[in-house]
Amino acid sequence: MVLQRQKKFKRKQRRNKRETNKKEEYNEHGSCIKVKSRLLLLLLPTLHNECLEIFFKSQQLQVFSETIIFYICTKVLVYQLYFAARLFFISDIEFEELKQRVERNDITVIDVRTPKELTQIGMIPNSKNIKVQSFGPDILLPDDKFAEKFGFKKPALDEPIAVICLAGIRARTAQLAMMAVGYSNVRVYVGSMEDWLEKKGPVVF
């Protein structure tokens, strides 16, 4: 009788240990999913549809194996190398050229600063605002939804575009996002608003 109780107790201990290990593994796995989800969603525009499908399926199934991570990261690396090569052949736009083209209205200027920044120091005339925080999802919107949200027509993939921010860093991020979804004529105004104001470019509020 005593032996039976001891065996039963040991079996219960082993079962509890297995359940505890599963919970720890799940919690660790779940936190891993959340962190990597956020990182990968930031790279949304650079992920191929096939990667996205695998990514979201793995989310639903609560599975994020090293194989899936390796596959997606490899895809991202390939795309990053491709964009880096393309950037090598795309020159940035300078103040004089941008000023002339703004006056001729033959270029779309996209300002990725926050609305608060726009009210503080103004905007380049005829520029359009899409804040960088939501730029990836916004640039993927259908034409009608895009126009409805921003109040201007979504640029064509081959349309000349200049991207600006305050100093040019966020503008580079937006440029990469646009190139990732197929835009072929996107240039960055490196000095952006700091350079524009320094050189007495016109500003509107």
N, C-alpha and C. Protein backbone atom coordinates (compact mmCIF):
# COMPACT_ATOMS: atom_id res chain seq x y z
N MET A 1 0.83 -1.21 0.00
CA MET A 1 0.00 0.00 0.00
C MET A 1 0.86 1.26 0.00
N VAL A 2 1.92 1.20 0.84
CA VAL A 2 2.84 2.33 0.93
C VAL A 2 3.57 2.51 -0.39
N LEU A 3 3.99 1.39 -0.98
CA LEU A 3 4.71 1.43 -2.26
C LEU A 3 3.82 2.02 -3.35
N GLN A 4 2.56 1.64 -3.37
CA GLN A 4 1.63 2.17 -4.36
C GLN A 4 1.48 3.68 -4.23
N ARG A 5 1.39 4.15 -2.98
CA ARG A 5 1.26 5.59 -2.74
C ARG A 5 2.51 6.34 -3.21
N GLN A 6 3.67 5.71 -2.92
CA GLN A 6 4.93 6.34 -3.33
C GLN A 6 5.02 6.44 -4.86
N LYS A 7 4.63 5.36 -5.54
CA LYS A 7 4.66 5.35 -7.00
C LYS A 7 3.70 6.41 -7.56
N LYS A 8 2.52 6.46 -6.97
CA LYS A 8 1.51 7.43 -7.41
C LYS A 8 2.01 8.86 -7.20
N PHE A 9 2.66 9.09 -6.05
CA PHE A 9 3.20 10.41 -5.75
C PHE A 9 4.29 10.80 -6.76
N LYS A 10 5.17 9.85 -7.08
CA LYS A 10 6.26 10.11 -8.04
C LYS A 10 5.71 10.42 -9.43
N ARG A 11 4.67 9.63 -9.82
CA ARG A 11 4.05 9.89 -11.13
C ARG A 11 3.46 11.29 -11.17
N LYS A 12 2.82 11.69 -10.07
CA LYS A 12 2.22 13.04 -9.99
C LYS A 12 3.31 14.11 -10.08
N GLN A 13 4.44 13.85 -9.40
CA GLN A 13 5.56 14.80 -9.43
C GLN A 13 6.09 14.97 -10.86
N ARG A 14 6.25 13.83 -11.55
CA ARG A 14 6.76 13.86 -12.93
C ARG A 14 5.80 14.61 -13.85
N ARG A 15 4.49 14.36 -13.66
CA ARG A 15 3.47 15.03 -14.47
C ARG A 15 3.48 16.54 -14.21
N ASN A 16 3.57 16.93 -12.95
CA ASN A 16 3.62 18.36 -12.61
C ASN A 16 4.87 19.03 -13.19
N LYS A 17 5.98 18.31 -13.16
CA LYS A 17 7.23 18.84 -13.70
C LYS A 17 7.13 19.07 -15.20
N ARG A 18 6.51 18.09 -15.91
CA ARG A 18 6.32 18.22 -17.36
C ARG A 18 5.45 19.43 -17.68
N GLU A 19 4.35 19.58 -16.91
CA GLU A 19 3.44 20.70 -17.14
C GLU A 19 4.12 22.04 -16.87
N THR A 20 4.95 22.07 -15.82
CA THR A 20 5.69 23.30 -15.49
C THR A 20 6.66 23.65 -16.61
N ASN A 21 7.36 22.64 -17.12
CA ASN A 21 8.32 22.86 -18.22
C ASN A 21 7.62 23.37 -19.46
N LYS A 22 6.43 22.82 -19.73
CA LYS A 22 5.67 23.26 -20.90
C LYS A 22 5.26 24.72 -20.76
N LYS A 23 4.80 25.09 -19.55
CA LYS A 23 4.38 26.48 -19.32
C LYS A 23 5.55 27.43 -19.48
N GLU A 24 6.72 27.04 -18.91
CA GLU A 24 7.91 27.89 -19.03
C GLU A 24 8.32 28.04 -20.49
N GLU A 25 8.28 26.91 -21.20
CA GLU A 25 8.65 26.93 -22.62
C GLU A 25 7.68 27.80 -23.40
N TYR A 26 6.39 27.70 -23.09
CA TYR A 26 5.37 28.49 -23.79
C TYR A 26 5.56 29.98 -23.51
N ASN A 27 5.79 30.32 -22.22
CA ASN A 27 5.98 31.73 -21.86
C ASN A 27 7.20 32.31 -22.53
N GLU A 28 8.28 31.54 -22.52
CA GLU A 28 9.52 31.99 -23.16
C GLU A 28 9.29 32.16 -24.65
N HIS A 29 8.58 31.19 -25.23
CA HIS A 29 8.27 31.19 -26.65
C HIS A 29 7.37 32.38 -27.01
N GLY A 30 6.37 32.60 -26.13
CA GLY A 30 5.44 33.70 -26.36
C GLY A 30 6.12 35.05 -26.34
N SER A 31 7.02 35.27 -25.36
CA SER A 31 7.72 36.54 -25.29
C SER A 31 8.64 36.70 -26.48
N CYS A 32 9.24 35.59 -26.91
CA CYS A 32 10.09 35.61 -28.10
C CYS A 32 9.29 36.03 -29.32
N ILE A 33 8.07 35.51 -29.43
CA ILE A 33 7.20 35.86 -30.54
C ILE A 33 6.89 37.35 -30.53
N LYS A 34 6.56 37.88 -29.35
CA LYS A 34 6.16 39.29 -29.27
C LYS A 34 7.30 40.21 -29.69
N VAL A 35 8.51 39.92 -29.17
CA VAL A 35 9.66 40.77 -29.51
C VAL A 35 9.97 40.70 -30.99
N LYS A 36 10.03 39.47 -31.52
CA LYS A 36 10.38 39.32 -32.92
C LYS A 36 9.26 39.80 -33.83
N SER A 37 8.02 39.70 -33.35
CA SER A 37 6.89 40.21 -34.13
C SER A 37 7.05 41.70 -34.36
N ARG A 38 7.38 42.42 -33.29
CA ARG A 38 7.51 43.87 -33.40
C ARG A 38 8.64 44.25 -34.34
N LEU A 39 9.76 43.53 -34.21
CA LEU A 39 10.91 43.83 -35.08
C LEU A 39 10.59 43.56 -36.53
N LEU A 40 9.94 42.44 -36.79
CA LEU A 40 9.65 42.07 -38.17
C LEU A 40 8.57 42.94 -38.78
N LEU A 41 7.61 43.37 -37.96
CA LEU A 41 6.56 44.24 -38.50
C LEU A 41 7.12 45.61 -38.89
N LEU A 42 8.21 46.03 -38.25
CA LEU A 42 8.87 47.27 -38.66
C LEU A 42 9.46 47.12 -40.06
N LEU A 43 9.79 45.87 -40.40
CA LEU A 43 10.36 45.60 -41.72
C LEU A 43 9.29 45.16 -42.72
N LEU A 44 8.02 45.38 -42.37
CA LEU A 44 6.90 44.93 -43.19
C LEU A 44 7.07 45.20 -44.67
N PRO A 45 7.43 46.43 -45.08
CA PRO A 45 7.50 46.69 -46.51
C PRO A 45 8.57 45.88 -47.23
N THR A 46 9.60 45.40 -46.49
CA THR A 46 10.68 44.68 -47.14
C THR A 46 10.45 43.17 -47.18
N LEU A 47 9.36 42.72 -46.58
CA LEU A 47 9.11 41.28 -46.55
C LEU A 47 8.28 40.83 -47.76
N HIS A 48 8.70 39.77 -48.36
CA HIS A 48 7.98 39.20 -49.48
C HIS A 48 6.66 38.63 -48.99
N ASN A 49 5.65 38.60 -49.85
CA ASN A 49 4.32 38.08 -49.46
C ASN A 49 4.42 36.68 -48.88
N GLU A 50 5.30 35.88 -49.45
CA GLU A 50 5.47 34.50 -48.98
C GLU A 50 5.95 34.49 -47.53
N CYS A 51 6.89 35.41 -47.20
CA CYS A 51 7.39 35.51 -45.84
C CYS A 51 6.29 35.93 -44.89
N LEU A 52 5.51 36.91 -45.33
CA LEU A 52 4.43 37.42 -44.48
C LEU A 52 3.42 36.33 -44.17
N GLU A 53 3.09 35.53 -45.18
CA GLU A 53 2.12 34.46 -44.99
C GLU A 53 2.63 33.47 -43.95
N ILE A 54 3.89 33.08 -44.06
CA ILE A 54 4.48 32.16 -43.09
C ILE A 54 4.53 32.80 -41.71
N PHE A 55 4.90 34.09 -41.69
CA PHE A 55 5.02 34.82 -40.42
C PHE A 55 3.69 34.83 -39.66
N PHE A 56 2.61 35.22 -40.34
CA PHE A 56 1.33 35.35 -39.67
C PHE A 56 0.74 33.98 -39.30
N LYS A 57 0.98 32.97 -40.12
CA LYS A 57 0.52 31.63 -39.78
C LYS A 57 1.23 31.14 -38.52
N SER A 58 2.53 31.41 -38.43
CA SER A 58 3.27 30.99 -37.25
C SER A 58 2.77 31.72 -36.01
N GLN A 59 2.33 32.98 -36.18
CA GLN A 59 1.76 33.73 -35.07
C GLN A 59 0.48 33.05 -34.56
N GLN A 60 -0.39 32.69 -35.51
CA GLN A 60 -1.68 32.10 -35.15
C GLN A 60 -1.48 30.75 -34.45
N LEU A 61 -0.50 30.01 -34.88
CA LEU A 61 -0.26 28.68 -34.32
C LEU A 61 0.64 28.72 -33.09
N GLN A 62 1.07 29.95 -32.70
CA GLN A 62 1.97 30.11 -31.56
C GLN A 62 3.26 29.32 -31.77
N VAL A 63 3.72 29.32 -33.00
CA VAL A 63 4.95 28.59 -33.32
C VAL A 63 5.89 29.55 -34.02
N PHE A 64 7.11 29.64 -33.53
CA PHE A 64 8.08 30.52 -34.18
C PHE A 64 9.43 29.81 -34.16
N SER A 65 9.57 28.82 -34.98
CA SER A 65 10.77 27.99 -34.95
C SER A 65 11.96 28.73 -35.52
N GLU A 66 13.14 28.22 -35.21
CA GLU A 66 14.37 28.82 -35.73
C GLU A 66 14.41 28.75 -37.25
N THR A 67 13.80 27.73 -37.83
CA THR A 67 13.77 27.60 -39.29
C THR A 67 13.01 28.76 -39.91
N ILE A 68 11.84 29.08 -39.32
CA ILE A 68 11.03 30.20 -39.83
C ILE A 68 11.79 31.51 -39.69
N ILE A 69 12.40 31.72 -38.52
CA ILE A 69 13.17 32.94 -38.28
C ILE A 69 14.30 33.06 -39.30
N PHE A 70 15.03 31.97 -39.50
CA PHE A 70 16.15 31.98 -40.44
C PHE A 70 15.66 32.28 -41.86
N TYR A 71 14.54 31.67 -42.25
CA TYR A 71 14.01 31.88 -43.60
C TYR A 71 13.63 33.33 -43.84
N ILE A 72 12.90 33.91 -42.88
CA ILE A 72 12.45 35.30 -43.03
C ILE A 72 13.63 36.26 -43.01
N CYS A 73 14.56 36.04 -42.06
CA CYS A 73 15.72 36.94 -41.96
C CYS A 73 16.60 36.86 -43.21
N THR A 74 16.69 35.67 -43.79
CA THR A 74 17.46 35.53 -45.03
C THR A 74 16.80 36.32 -46.14
N LYS A 75 15.47 36.21 -46.24
CA LYS A 75 14.74 36.98 -47.25
C LYS A 75 14.96 38.47 -47.06
N VAL A 76 14.87 38.93 -45.80
CA VAL A 76 15.05 40.35 -45.50
C VAL A 76 16.46 40.79 -45.90
N LEU A 77 17.46 39.96 -45.59
CA LEU A 77 18.84 40.30 -45.93
C LEU A 77 19.02 40.44 -47.43
N VAL A 78 18.43 39.52 -48.18
CA VAL A 78 18.52 39.58 -49.65
C VAL A 78 17.92 40.88 -50.17
N TYR A 79 16.73 41.22 -49.64
CA TYR A 79 16.09 42.46 -50.08
C TYR A 79 16.91 43.68 -49.67
N GLN A 80 17.50 43.66 -48.49
CA GLN A 80 18.30 44.79 -48.04
C GLN A 80 19.52 44.98 -48.94
N LEU A 81 20.15 43.89 -49.32
CA LEU A 81 21.30 43.98 -50.23
C LEU A 81 20.87 44.53 -51.59
N TYR A 82 19.69 44.10 -52.03
CA TYR A 82 19.15 44.58 -53.30
C TYR A 82 18.90 46.09 -53.25
N PHE A 83 18.29 46.55 -52.15
CA PHE A 83 18.00 47.97 -52.01
C PHE A 83 19.28 48.79 -51.88
N ALA A 84 20.28 48.21 -51.18
CA ALA A 84 21.55 48.92 -51.03
C ALA A 84 22.21 49.12 -52.40
N ALA A 85 22.12 48.08 -53.24
CA ALA A 85 22.68 48.19 -54.59
C ALA A 85 21.94 49.25 -55.41
N ARG A 86 20.62 49.29 -55.26
CA ARG A 86 19.84 50.30 -55.98
C ARG A 86 20.15 51.70 -55.48
N LEU A 87 20.33 51.84 -54.17
CA LEU A 87 20.65 53.15 -53.60
C LEU A 87 21.96 53.69 -54.13
N PHE A 88 22.89 52.77 -54.43
CA PHE A 88 24.21 53.18 -54.93
C PHE A 88 24.07 53.97 -56.22
N PHE A 89 23.04 53.66 -57.01
CA PHE A 89 22.85 54.30 -58.30
C PHE A 89 21.83 55.45 -58.26
N ILE A 90 21.26 55.72 -57.07
CA ILE A 90 20.28 56.81 -56.95
C ILE A 90 20.91 57.97 -56.19
N SER A 91 21.03 59.11 -56.84
CA SER A 91 21.63 60.27 -56.18
C SER A 91 20.59 61.01 -55.34
N ASP A 92 21.06 61.60 -54.24
CA ASP A 92 20.17 62.42 -53.42
C ASP A 92 19.92 63.75 -54.13
N ILE A 93 18.84 64.41 -53.73
CA ILE A 93 18.50 65.68 -54.36
C ILE A 93 19.02 66.84 -53.50
N GLU A 94 19.51 67.89 -54.15
CA GLU A 94 20.08 69.04 -53.46
C GLU A 94 19.08 70.20 -53.45
N PHE A 95 19.41 71.22 -52.66
CA PHE A 95 18.52 72.36 -52.47
C PHE A 95 18.09 73.03 -53.77
N GLU A 96 19.04 73.42 -54.61
CA GLU A 96 18.73 74.18 -55.82
C GLU A 96 17.81 73.41 -56.76
N GLU A 97 18.14 72.13 -56.96
CA GLU A 97 17.30 71.31 -57.86
C GLU A 97 15.90 71.16 -57.29
N LEU A 98 15.80 70.89 -55.99
CA LEU A 98 14.49 70.70 -55.37
C LEU A 98 13.67 71.99 -55.45
N LYS A 99 14.31 73.13 -55.17
CA LYS A 99 13.62 74.42 -55.21
C LYS A 99 13.05 74.68 -56.60
N GLN A 100 13.85 74.43 -57.63
CA GLN A 100 13.39 74.66 -59.01
C GLN A 100 12.24 73.73 -59.37
N ARG A 101 12.35 72.48 -58.95
CA ARG A 101 11.32 71.51 -59.30
C ARG A 101 10.03 71.75 -58.52
N VAL A 102 10.15 72.25 -57.29
CA VAL A 102 8.96 72.62 -56.52
C VAL A 102 8.24 73.78 -57.20
N GLU A 103 9.02 74.74 -57.68
CA GLU A 103 8.43 75.89 -58.39
C GLU A 103 7.74 75.46 -59.68
N ARG A 104 8.31 74.46 -60.36
CA ARG A 104 7.71 73.96 -61.60
C ARG A 104 6.59 72.96 -61.31
N ASN A 105 6.50 72.52 -60.06
CA ASN A 105 5.49 71.54 -59.64
C ASN A 105 5.59 70.23 -60.43
N ASP A 106 6.84 69.79 -60.65
CA ASP A 106 7.03 68.53 -61.38
C ASP A 106 7.67 67.44 -60.51
N ILE A 107 7.51 67.58 -59.20
CA ILE A 107 8.00 66.56 -58.27
C ILE A 107 7.06 66.51 -57.07
N THR A 108 6.85 65.32 -56.52
CA THR A 108 6.04 65.18 -55.31
C THR A 108 6.97 65.16 -54.11
N VAL A 109 6.78 66.10 -53.19
CA VAL A 109 7.60 66.17 -51.98
C VAL A 109 6.81 65.57 -50.82
N ILE A 110 7.35 64.53 -50.23
CA ILE A 110 6.69 63.87 -49.09
C ILE A 110 7.48 64.17 -47.83
N ASP A 111 6.81 64.80 -46.88
CA ASP A 111 7.42 65.18 -45.60
C ASP A 111 6.97 64.17 -44.55
N VAL A 112 7.93 63.49 -43.91
CA VAL A 112 7.58 62.41 -42.99
C VAL A 112 7.67 62.83 -41.51
N ARG A 113 7.70 64.12 -41.26
CA ARG A 113 7.74 64.60 -39.87
C ARG A 113 6.36 64.48 -39.22
N THR A 114 6.33 64.71 -37.92
CA THR A 114 5.06 64.66 -37.19
C THR A 114 4.28 65.97 -37.40
N PRO A 115 2.96 65.93 -37.25
CA PRO A 115 2.17 67.16 -37.38
C PRO A 115 2.64 68.29 -36.47
N LYS A 116 3.11 67.95 -35.27
CA LYS A 116 3.60 68.96 -34.34
C LYS A 116 4.81 69.69 -34.93
N GLU A 117 5.71 68.95 -35.56
CA GLU A 117 6.89 69.57 -36.18
C GLU A 117 6.48 70.51 -37.31
N LEU A 118 5.47 70.12 -38.06
CA LEU A 118 5.02 70.93 -39.19
C LEU A 118 4.51 72.29 -38.71
N THR A 119 3.78 72.29 -37.61
CA THR A 119 3.23 73.55 -37.10
C THR A 119 4.31 74.44 -36.49
N GLN A 120 5.40 73.83 -36.06
CA GLN A 120 6.47 74.60 -35.41
C GLN A 120 7.35 75.34 -36.42
N ILE A 121 7.78 74.64 -37.48
CA ILE A 121 8.72 75.29 -38.42
C ILE A 121 8.21 75.32 -39.86
N GLY A 122 7.02 74.83 -40.10
CA GLY A 122 6.44 74.92 -41.43
C GLY A 122 6.85 73.81 -42.38
N MET A 123 6.38 73.94 -43.63
CA MET A 123 6.61 72.91 -44.66
C MET A 123 7.09 73.55 -45.96
N ILE A 124 7.69 72.75 -46.80
CA ILE A 124 8.01 73.17 -48.16
C ILE A 124 6.69 73.32 -48.92
N PRO A 125 6.51 74.37 -49.70
CA PRO A 125 5.24 74.55 -50.44
C PRO A 125 4.86 73.32 -51.27
N ASN A 126 3.59 72.98 -51.22
CA ASN A 126 3.01 71.85 -51.97
C ASN A 126 3.49 70.47 -51.51
N SER A 127 4.23 70.42 -50.40
CA SER A 127 4.66 69.10 -49.90
C SER A 127 3.50 68.39 -49.21
N LYS A 128 3.59 67.08 -49.14
CA LYS A 128 2.54 66.23 -48.54
C LYS A 128 3.09 65.56 -47.30
N ASN A 129 2.25 65.42 -46.30
CA ASN A 129 2.71 64.84 -45.04
C ASN A 129 2.19 63.42 -44.83
N ILE A 130 3.14 62.49 -44.63
CA ILE A 130 2.83 61.12 -44.19
C ILE A 130 3.84 60.82 -43.09
N LYS A 131 3.41 60.77 -41.86
CA LYS A 131 4.37 60.60 -40.77
C LYS A 131 5.07 59.24 -40.85
N VAL A 132 6.34 59.25 -40.50
CA VAL A 132 7.17 58.05 -40.68
C VAL A 132 6.72 56.90 -39.79
N GLN A 133 6.08 57.20 -38.65
CA GLN A 133 5.67 56.14 -37.72
C GLN A 133 4.72 55.14 -38.34
N SER A 134 3.92 55.57 -39.31
CA SER A 134 2.97 54.65 -39.95
C SER A 134 3.21 54.58 -41.46
N PHE A 135 4.40 54.95 -41.88
CA PHE A 135 4.68 55.08 -43.31
C PHE A 135 4.55 53.75 -44.06
N GLY A 136 5.09 52.68 -43.47
CA GLY A 136 5.05 51.37 -44.14
C GLY A 136 3.64 50.93 -44.50
N PRO A 137 2.74 50.81 -43.49
CA PRO A 137 1.36 50.42 -43.79
C PRO A 137 0.64 51.43 -44.68
N ASP A 138 0.93 52.73 -44.49
CA ASP A 138 0.23 53.76 -45.27
C ASP A 138 0.55 53.67 -46.76
N ILE A 139 1.81 53.40 -47.08
CA ILE A 139 2.20 53.37 -48.49
C ILE A 139 1.67 52.12 -49.20
N LEU A 140 1.20 51.16 -48.39
CA LEU A 140 0.62 49.94 -48.96
C LEU A 140 -0.90 50.04 -49.16
N LEU A 141 -1.48 51.16 -48.73
CA LEU A 141 -2.93 51.32 -48.88
C LEU A 141 -3.34 51.35 -50.36
N PRO A 142 -4.53 50.85 -50.69
CA PRO A 142 -5.04 50.98 -52.06
C PRO A 142 -5.19 52.46 -52.42
N ASP A 143 -5.18 52.76 -53.71
CA ASP A 143 -5.22 54.16 -54.16
C ASP A 143 -6.37 54.94 -53.56
N ASP A 144 -7.58 54.35 -53.55
CA ASP A 144 -8.74 55.09 -53.05
C ASP A 144 -8.66 55.34 -51.55
N LYS A 145 -8.19 54.33 -50.79
CA LYS A 145 -8.05 54.49 -49.34
C LYS A 145 -6.96 55.51 -49.00
N PHE A 146 -5.89 55.48 -49.80
CA PHE A 146 -4.80 56.42 -49.60
C PHE A 146 -5.28 57.86 -49.80
N ALA A 147 -5.98 58.09 -50.92
CA ALA A 147 -6.49 59.43 -51.23
C ALA A 147 -7.48 59.90 -50.17
N GLU A 148 -8.30 58.97 -49.69
CA GLU A 148 -9.29 59.30 -48.66
C GLU A 148 -8.62 59.71 -47.35
N LYS A 149 -7.53 59.03 -47.00
CA LYS A 149 -6.84 59.29 -45.73
C LYS A 149 -6.00 60.56 -45.77
N PHE A 150 -5.30 60.79 -46.90
CA PHE A 150 -4.32 61.88 -46.94
C PHE A 150 -4.76 63.09 -47.77
N GLY A 151 -5.82 62.93 -48.55
CA GLY A 151 -6.32 64.08 -49.29
C GLY A 151 -5.55 64.42 -50.54
N PHE A 152 -4.74 63.51 -51.01
CA PHE A 152 -4.07 63.70 -52.30
C PHE A 152 -3.87 62.33 -52.97
N LYS A 153 -3.68 62.35 -54.27
CA LYS A 153 -3.57 61.12 -55.04
C LYS A 153 -2.29 60.37 -54.69
N LYS A 154 -2.40 59.07 -54.57
CA LYS A 154 -1.21 58.26 -54.28
C LYS A 154 -0.26 58.32 -55.47
N PRO A 155 1.04 58.61 -55.22
CA PRO A 155 2.00 58.72 -56.34
C PRO A 155 2.14 57.42 -57.12
N ALA A 156 2.36 57.56 -58.42
CA ALA A 156 2.61 56.38 -59.27
C ALA A 156 4.00 55.83 -58.94
N LEU A 157 4.23 54.57 -59.26
CA LEU A 157 5.49 53.91 -58.90
C LEU A 157 6.70 54.55 -59.57
N ASP A 158 6.51 55.14 -60.76
CA ASP A 158 7.65 55.76 -61.46
C ASP A 158 7.66 57.29 -61.35
N GLU A 159 6.78 57.83 -60.53
CA GLU A 159 6.69 59.29 -60.37
C GLU A 159 7.89 59.82 -59.60
N PRO A 160 8.47 60.98 -60.02
CA PRO A 160 9.58 61.56 -59.26
C PRO A 160 9.14 62.03 -57.88
N ILE A 161 9.83 61.56 -56.87
CA ILE A 161 9.46 61.85 -55.48
C ILE A 161 10.70 62.27 -54.70
N ALA A 162 10.55 63.29 -53.88
CA ALA A 162 11.60 63.68 -52.93
C ALA A 162 11.05 63.50 -51.53
N VAL A 163 11.82 62.86 -50.67
CA VAL A 163 11.37 62.62 -49.29
C VAL A 163 12.21 63.47 -48.35
N ILE A 164 11.52 64.15 -47.43
CA ILE A 164 12.22 65.01 -46.48
C ILE A 164 11.74 64.76 -45.06
N CYS A 165 12.55 65.21 -44.09
CA CYS A 165 12.14 65.21 -42.69
C CYS A 165 12.78 66.45 -42.06
N LEU A 166 13.41 66.32 -40.92
CA LEU A 166 14.08 67.48 -40.32
C LEU A 166 15.54 67.54 -40.77
N ALA A 167 16.23 66.38 -40.70
CA ALA A 167 17.66 66.37 -41.06
C ALA A 167 18.00 65.35 -42.13
N GLY A 168 17.06 64.48 -42.50
CA GLY A 168 17.31 63.52 -43.57
C GLY A 168 17.36 62.07 -43.15
N ILE A 169 17.37 61.80 -41.85
CA ILE A 169 17.49 60.42 -41.37
C ILE A 169 16.19 59.66 -41.55
N ARG A 170 15.09 60.22 -41.09
CA ARG A 170 13.79 59.56 -41.26
C ARG A 170 13.41 59.49 -42.73
N ALA A 171 13.85 60.47 -43.49
CA ALA A 171 13.56 60.47 -44.93
C ALA A 171 14.19 59.26 -45.61
N ARG A 172 15.38 58.87 -45.16
CA ARG A 172 16.04 57.69 -45.73
C ARG A 172 15.24 56.42 -45.43
N THR A 173 14.70 56.34 -44.23
CA THR A 173 13.86 55.19 -43.86
C THR A 173 12.65 55.10 -44.78
N ALA A 174 12.02 56.26 -45.01
CA ALA A 174 10.84 56.30 -45.88
C ALA A 174 11.21 55.94 -47.32
N GLN A 175 12.37 56.39 -47.77
CA GLN A 175 12.82 56.06 -49.12
C GLN A 175 12.95 54.55 -49.29
N LEU A 176 13.57 53.89 -48.32
CA LEU A 176 13.74 52.43 -48.38
C LEU A 176 12.39 51.72 -48.39
N ALA A 177 11.45 52.23 -47.59
CA ALA A 177 10.11 51.63 -47.55
C ALA A 177 9.43 51.75 -48.91
N MET A 178 9.58 52.89 -49.56
CA MET A 178 8.94 53.09 -50.87
C MET A 178 9.60 52.22 -51.94
N MET A 179 10.93 52.14 -51.89
CA MET A 179 11.63 51.28 -52.84
C MET A 179 11.23 49.82 -52.67
N ALA A 180 10.98 49.45 -51.41
CA ALA A 180 10.61 48.06 -51.12
C ALA A 180 9.30 47.66 -51.75
N VAL A 181 8.38 48.62 -51.94
CA VAL A 181 7.09 48.28 -52.53
C VAL A 181 7.03 48.63 -54.03
N GLY A 182 8.17 49.00 -54.60
CA GLY A 182 8.22 49.15 -56.05
C GLY A 182 8.46 50.54 -56.60
N TYR A 183 8.58 51.55 -55.74
CA TYR A 183 8.84 52.90 -56.25
C TYR A 183 10.28 52.98 -56.77
N SER A 184 10.43 53.54 -57.97
CA SER A 184 11.74 53.49 -58.63
C SER A 184 12.43 54.85 -58.77
N ASN A 185 11.76 55.92 -58.35
CA ASN A 185 12.34 57.25 -58.56
C ASN A 185 12.19 58.11 -57.30
N VAL A 186 12.67 57.55 -56.18
CA VAL A 186 12.55 58.23 -54.88
C VAL A 186 13.92 58.72 -54.44
N ARG A 187 14.02 60.01 -54.15
CA ARG A 187 15.29 60.59 -53.72
C ARG A 187 15.13 61.29 -52.38
N VAL A 188 16.21 61.37 -51.64
CA VAL A 188 16.19 61.99 -50.31
C VAL A 188 16.85 63.37 -50.38
N TYR A 189 16.20 64.34 -49.76
CA TYR A 189 16.81 65.65 -49.57
C TYR A 189 17.57 65.55 -48.24
N VAL A 190 18.88 65.34 -48.33
CA VAL A 190 19.68 64.97 -47.16
C VAL A 190 19.60 66.01 -46.04
N GLY A 191 19.77 67.27 -46.34
CA GLY A 191 19.70 68.29 -45.30
C GLY A 191 18.29 68.52 -44.81
N SER A 192 17.34 68.17 -45.64
CA SER A 192 15.91 68.32 -45.35
C SER A 192 15.58 69.72 -44.84
N MET A 193 14.68 69.85 -43.88
CA MET A 193 14.19 71.17 -43.47
C MET A 193 15.28 72.05 -42.85
N GLU A 194 16.24 71.45 -42.19
CA GLU A 194 17.34 72.24 -41.62
C GLU A 194 18.09 72.97 -42.72
N ASP A 195 18.41 72.25 -43.79
CA ASP A 195 19.12 72.84 -44.92
C ASP A 195 18.23 73.84 -45.67
N TRP A 196 16.96 73.48 -45.83
CA TRP A 196 16.00 74.34 -46.54
C TRP A 196 15.85 75.70 -45.86
N LEU A 197 15.74 75.68 -44.54
CA LEU A 197 15.60 76.92 -43.78
C LEU A 197 16.90 77.73 -43.78
N GLU A 198 18.00 77.03 -43.68
CA GLU A 198 19.32 77.70 -43.68
C GLU A 198 19.55 78.45 -44.99
N LYS A 199 19.05 77.88 -46.09
CA LYS A 199 19.26 78.49 -47.41
C LYS A 199 18.07 79.36 -47.83
N LYS A 200 17.22 79.71 -46.85
CA LYS A 200 16.12 80.63 -47.06
C LYS A 200 15.09 80.15 -48.08
N GLY A 201 14.84 78.85 -48.08
CA GLY A 201 13.80 78.32 -48.95
C GLY A 201 12.42 78.74 -48.45
N PRO A 202 11.44 78.89 -49.37
CA PRO A 202 10.09 79.32 -48.93
C PRO A 202 9.41 78.26 -48.05
N VAL A 203 8.62 78.75 -47.10
CA VAL A 203 7.97 77.87 -46.14
C VAL A 203 6.50 78.27 -46.02
N VAL A 204 5.64 77.26 -45.87
CA VAL A 204 4.22 77.52 -45.62
C VAL A 204 3.81 76.82 -44.34
N PHE A 205 2.75 77.32 -43.70
CA PHE A 205 2.25 76.73 -42.46
C PHE A 205 0.82 76.24 -42.65
